[in-house]
Amino acid sequence: MKTYSVVPNVDVSGWFVKLENVAPEDVYEAKDDAIAAAVQMAKENTPSMVEIMDKNHNVIEEKRF
């Protein structure tokens, strides 16, 4: 199962979408845009999971596809 993470940058001015917690796939200005992109990637690559993290990198929400 692939895991896509939505993680804020250091000052929470942008949001990264990462695959398997490695180098960022993309960066977005809005959290909602990053989540939508991660969900789309996960749906295209099922089985997958999206983890949405806070600024301390704690998982606050998980979605499975």
Protein backbone atom coordinates (compact mmCIF):
# COMPACT_ATOMS: atom_id res chain seq x y z
CA MET A 1 0.00 0.00 0.00
CA LYS A 2 1.34 3.40 -0.98
CA THR A 3 1.16 6.22 1.53
CA TYR A 4 0.75 9.85 0.49
CA SER A 5 1.45 12.43 3.20
CA VAL A 6 0.18 16.01 3.32
CA VAL A 7 2.70 17.96 5.42
CA PRO A 8 3.12 21.70 6.06
CA ASN A 9 6.48 23.35 5.44
CA VAL A 10 8.40 24.85 8.36
CA ASP A 11 6.44 28.11 8.61
CA VAL A 12 3.14 26.56 7.41
CA SER A 13 3.11 28.82 4.35
CA GLY A 14 2.90 25.86 1.98
CA TRP A 15 1.89 22.21 1.98
CA PHE A 16 3.88 19.29 0.57
CA VAL A 17 2.43 16.10 -0.85
CA LYS A 18 4.95 13.30 -0.31
CA LEU A 19 4.90 9.69 -1.49
CA GLU A 20 6.19 7.20 1.08
CA ASN A 21 7.53 10.10 3.19
CA VAL A 22 10.43 10.84 0.82
CA ALA A 23 11.06 13.83 -1.42
CA PRO A 24 7.97 15.98 -2.02
CA GLU A 25 5.92 15.26 -5.12
CA ASP A 26 4.43 18.77 -5.20
CA VAL A 27 3.97 21.87 -3.04
CA TYR A 28 0.70 23.78 -2.68
CA GLU A 29 -0.20 27.12 -1.13
CA ALA A 30 -3.47 25.88 0.38
CA LYS A 31 -3.94 22.85 2.62
CA ASP A 32 -7.20 21.93 0.87
CA ASP A 33 -5.47 21.92 -2.53
CA ALA A 34 -2.73 19.62 -1.20
CA ILE A 35 -5.30 17.24 0.32
CA ALA A 36 -7.30 17.15 -2.92
CA ALA A 37 -4.16 16.35 -4.92
CA ALA A 38 -3.08 13.61 -2.49
CA VAL A 39 -6.56 12.06 -2.54
CA GLN A 40 -6.55 12.07 -6.36
CA MET A 41 -3.12 10.40 -6.47
CA ALA A 42 -4.23 7.80 -3.91
CA LYS A 43 -7.41 7.00 -5.86
CA GLU A 44 -5.35 6.50 -9.02
CA ASN A 45 -2.98 4.12 -7.22
CA THR A 46 -5.18 1.95 -5.02
CA PRO A 47 -4.68 0.46 -2.54
CA SER A 48 -3.33 3.65 -1.00
CA MET A 49 -3.61 5.82 2.07
CA VAL A 50 -3.47 9.59 2.64
CA GLU A 51 -2.08 10.88 5.93
CA ILE A 52 -2.76 14.51 6.81
CA MET A 53 -0.25 15.87 9.30
CA ASP A 54 0.00 18.94 11.51
CA LYS A 55 3.02 21.25 11.84
CA ASN A 56 4.60 18.82 14.34
CA HIS A 57 4.22 15.96 11.85
CA ASN A 58 1.58 14.19 13.93
CA VAL A 59 -1.06 12.39 11.88
CA ILE A 60 -4.38 14.16 12.39
CA GLU A 61 -6.40 12.28 9.74
CA GLU A 62 -6.10 9.16 7.58
CA LYS A 63 -8.02 8.24 4.46
CA ARG A 64 -7.82 4.84 2.74
CA PHE A 65 -8.54 4.11 -0.91
